[in-house]
């Protein structure tokens, strides 16, 4: 949201153009979630999340080159929404549902808290980056952060034997 305000200041686009792009993001993100859920059923959710984190880095890099409303709608509204969906809530939820069935409520609560904590941390970070370096660098910085945080943490969690073994101990396939 703070980056969209910076775009308004730089390009002078109407608020409806920016709100439309955010609406497209929301619709694409919500609409693709069933597909991401299906991917998590076919592939390991942490693998989907790692792919989504890498895609998020690329999408945010592409967003840093926005120059027209069409770029905004396609880059931010579509590509970034697809990547955020693949790298976020659904794979995390599927993962904890599979691995922490005996403490499912607590696990879902922790994942849900991560969404709020992420917003509390990322929005001010984005504003600091915008104020110091501009919105293009902020998009790039957030892209680097996504790649350096989501991809390695997903890969690391996939390799944790205690996590893989829990479902096997209960007699279920991973």
Protein backbone atom coordinates (compact mmCIF):
# COMPACT_ATOMS: atom_id res chain seq x y z
CA UNK A 1 0.00 0.00 0.00
CA UNK A 2 2.81 2.47 0.74
CA UNK A 3 4.36 1.72 -2.64
CA UNK A 4 1.06 2.45 -4.37
CA UNK A 5 1.05 5.88 -2.67
CA UNK A 6 4.56 6.46 -4.02
CA UNK A 7 3.35 5.53 -7.52
CA UNK A 8 0.52 8.03 -7.17
CA UNK A 9 3.01 10.74 -6.24
CA UNK A 10 5.38 9.94 -9.12
CA UNK A 11 2.98 9.28 -11.97
CA UNK A 12 -0.04 11.30 -10.94
CA UNK A 13 -2.37 8.45 -11.84
CA UNK A 14 -5.86 8.60 -10.39
CA UNK A 15 -6.61 6.80 -7.18
CA UNK A 16 -9.02 4.62 -9.13
CA UNK A 17 -6.15 3.32 -11.30
CA UNK A 18 -4.20 2.36 -8.19
CA UNK A 19 -7.25 0.95 -6.41
CA UNK A 20 -8.05 -1.03 -9.55
CA UNK A 21 -4.59 -2.57 -9.59
CA UNK A 22 -4.94 -3.52 -5.94
CA UNK A 23 -8.38 -4.98 -6.69
CA UNK A 24 -6.92 -7.05 -9.54
CA UNK A 25 -4.21 -8.25 -7.13
CA UNK A 26 -6.87 -9.27 -4.59
CA UNK A 27 -9.04 -11.04 -7.18
CA UNK A 28 -6.12 -12.91 -8.77
CA UNK A 29 -4.69 -13.85 -5.38
CA UNK A 30 -8.02 -15.18 -4.15
CA UNK A 31 -8.93 -16.80 -7.44
CA UNK A 32 -5.68 -18.72 -7.80
CA UNK A 33 -5.69 -20.08 -4.24
CA UNK A 34 -7.63 -23.24 -5.22
CA UNK A 35 -4.98 -23.93 -7.87
CA UNK A 36 -2.21 -23.39 -5.31
CA UNK A 37 -4.04 -25.78 -2.99
CA UNK A 38 -4.15 -28.36 -5.78
CA UNK A 39 -0.42 -27.87 -6.37
CA UNK A 40 0.17 -28.46 -2.65
CA UNK A 41 -1.76 -31.73 -2.94
CA UNK A 42 0.36 -32.82 -5.90
CA UNK A 43 3.72 -31.51 -4.71
CA UNK A 44 5.00 -30.86 -1.23
CA UNK A 45 3.62 -27.55 0.07
CA UNK A 46 7.07 -26.33 1.07
CA UNK A 47 8.27 -26.97 -2.48
CA UNK A 48 5.38 -24.86 -3.78
CA UNK A 49 6.29 -22.19 -1.22
CA UNK A 50 9.96 -22.18 -2.26
CA UNK A 51 8.93 -21.79 -5.89
CA UNK A 52 6.51 -19.03 -4.89
CA UNK A 53 9.25 -17.21 -2.97
CA UNK A 54 11.54 -17.27 -6.00
CA UNK A 55 8.66 -16.14 -8.23
CA UNK A 56 7.87 -13.37 -5.76
CA UNK A 57 11.42 -12.09 -6.00
CA UNK A 58 11.18 -12.00 -9.80
CA UNK A 59 7.70 -10.41 -9.76
CA UNK A 60 8.79 -7.68 -7.36
CA UNK A 61 11.85 -7.04 -9.52
CA UNK A 62 9.54 -6.72 -12.54
CA UNK A 63 7.34 -4.34 -10.52
CA UNK A 64 10.31 -2.03 -10.09
CA UNK A 65 10.12 -1.29 -13.83
CA UNK A 66 6.47 -0.16 -13.83
CA UNK A 67 5.98 2.79 -16.15
CA UNK A 68 2.33 2.60 -17.24
CA UNK A 69 -0.97 1.50 -15.71
CA UNK A 70 -0.85 -1.60 -17.93
CA UNK A 71 2.50 -2.55 -16.35
CA UNK A 72 0.98 -1.96 -12.92
CA UNK A 73 -2.03 -4.17 -13.61
CA UNK A 74 -0.04 -6.99 -15.24
CA UNK A 75 3.06 -6.84 -13.04
CA UNK A 76 1.63 -6.06 -9.63
CA UNK A 77 -1.98 -7.06 -10.16
CA UNK A 78 -1.35 -10.41 -11.84
CA UNK A 79 2.27 -11.63 -11.56
CA UNK A 80 2.88 -10.50 -8.00
CA UNK A 81 -0.50 -11.85 -6.88
CA UNK A 82 0.27 -15.27 -8.40
CA UNK A 83 3.67 -15.36 -6.69
CA UNK A 84 2.34 -14.20 -3.31
CA UNK A 85 -0.31 -16.89 -3.43
CA UNK A 86 2.22 -19.62 -4.23
CA UNK A 87 4.69 -18.38 -1.63
CA UNK A 88 2.34 -17.65 1.22
CA UNK A 89 -0.73 -18.61 3.18
CA UNK A 90 -2.05 -21.72 1.40
CA UNK A 91 1.22 -23.72 1.31
CA UNK A 92 1.94 -22.75 4.91
CA UNK A 93 -1.52 -23.81 6.00
CA UNK A 94 -1.35 -27.13 4.14
CA UNK A 95 2.09 -27.80 5.61
CA UNK A 96 1.06 -27.26 9.23
CA UNK A 97 -2.16 -29.23 8.69
CA UNK A 98 -0.12 -32.21 7.52
CA UNK A 99 2.73 -31.99 10.00
CA UNK A 100 1.14 -30.77 13.24
CA UNK A 101 -2.21 -32.54 13.46
CA UNK A 102 -1.85 -33.11 17.18
CA UNK A 103 -1.45 -29.34 17.78
CA UNK A 104 -3.33 -28.07 14.73
CA UNK A 105 -5.08 -25.12 16.40
CA UNK A 106 -1.84 -23.76 17.82
CA UNK A 107 -0.04 -24.33 14.53
CA UNK A 108 -2.67 -22.52 12.47
CA UNK A 109 -2.64 -19.72 15.05
CA UNK A 110 1.11 -19.31 14.65
CA UNK A 111 0.88 -19.27 10.85
CA UNK A 112 -1.97 -16.75 11.04
CA UNK A 113 0.00 -14.56 13.43
CA UNK A 114 2.83 -14.57 10.90
CA UNK A 115 0.60 -12.75 8.40
CA UNK A 116 0.00 -9.89 10.82
CA UNK A 117 3.60 -9.78 12.03
CA UNK A 118 4.76 -9.71 8.42
CA UNK A 119 2.57 -6.71 7.68
CA UNK A 120 3.74 -4.91 10.81
CA UNK A 121 7.36 -5.41 9.74
CA UNK A 122 7.21 -5.17 5.93
CA UNK A 123 5.05 -2.05 5.58
CA UNK A 124 7.38 0.16 7.69
CA UNK A 125 10.41 -1.40 5.98
CA UNK A 126 8.91 -0.56 2.58
CA UNK A 127 8.28 3.02 3.74
CA UNK A 128 11.86 3.36 4.98
CA UNK A 129 13.18 2.03 1.66
CA UNK A 130 10.90 4.38 -0.30
CA UNK A 131 11.94 7.40 1.77
CA UNK A 132 15.64 6.55 1.50
CA UNK A 133 15.95 5.13 -2.03
CA UNK A 134 12.63 5.40 -3.89
CA UNK A 135 9.86 2.98 -4.74
CA UNK A 136 11.80 1.13 -7.44
CA UNK A 137 14.54 0.18 -4.99
CA UNK A 138 11.90 -0.68 -2.40
CA UNK A 139 10.34 -3.20 -4.80
CA UNK A 140 13.78 -4.65 -5.51
CA UNK A 141 14.68 -4.81 -1.82
CA UNK A 142 11.44 -6.58 -0.99
CA UNK A 143 12.10 -9.00 -3.85
CA UNK A 144 15.54 -9.80 -2.48
CA UNK A 145 14.05 -10.22 0.99
CA UNK A 146 11.42 -12.65 -0.36
CA UNK A 147 14.07 -14.76 -2.09
CA UNK A 148 16.47 -14.71 0.86
CA UNK A 149 13.78 -15.51 3.44
CA UNK A 150 11.08 -17.67 1.82
CA UNK A 151 13.22 -19.90 -0.40
CA UNK A 152 15.87 -20.94 2.15
CA UNK A 153 13.39 -21.33 5.02
CA UNK A 154 11.12 -23.52 2.87
CA UNK A 155 14.04 -25.67 1.74
CA UNK A 156 15.36 -25.90 5.29
CA UNK A 157 11.97 -27.00 6.64
CA UNK A 158 11.72 -29.66 3.91
CA UNK A 159 14.95 -31.20 5.15
CA UNK A 160 14.01 -31.41 8.82
CA UNK A 161 13.76 -35.13 9.66
CA UNK A 162 11.59 -34.54 12.74
CA UNK A 163 8.98 -32.86 10.55
CA UNK A 164 9.03 -35.50 7.82
CA UNK A 165 8.92 -38.26 10.40
CA UNK A 166 5.85 -37.06 12.31
CA UNK A 167 3.36 -38.07 9.66
CA UNK A 168 5.20 -41.35 9.10
CA UNK A 169 5.03 -42.17 12.79
CA UNK A 170 1.26 -41.69 12.68
CA UNK A 171 1.15 -44.19 9.81
CA UNK A 172 0.35 -41.65 7.11
CA UNK A 173 2.23 -40.96 3.92
CA UNK A 174 4.15 -37.67 3.78
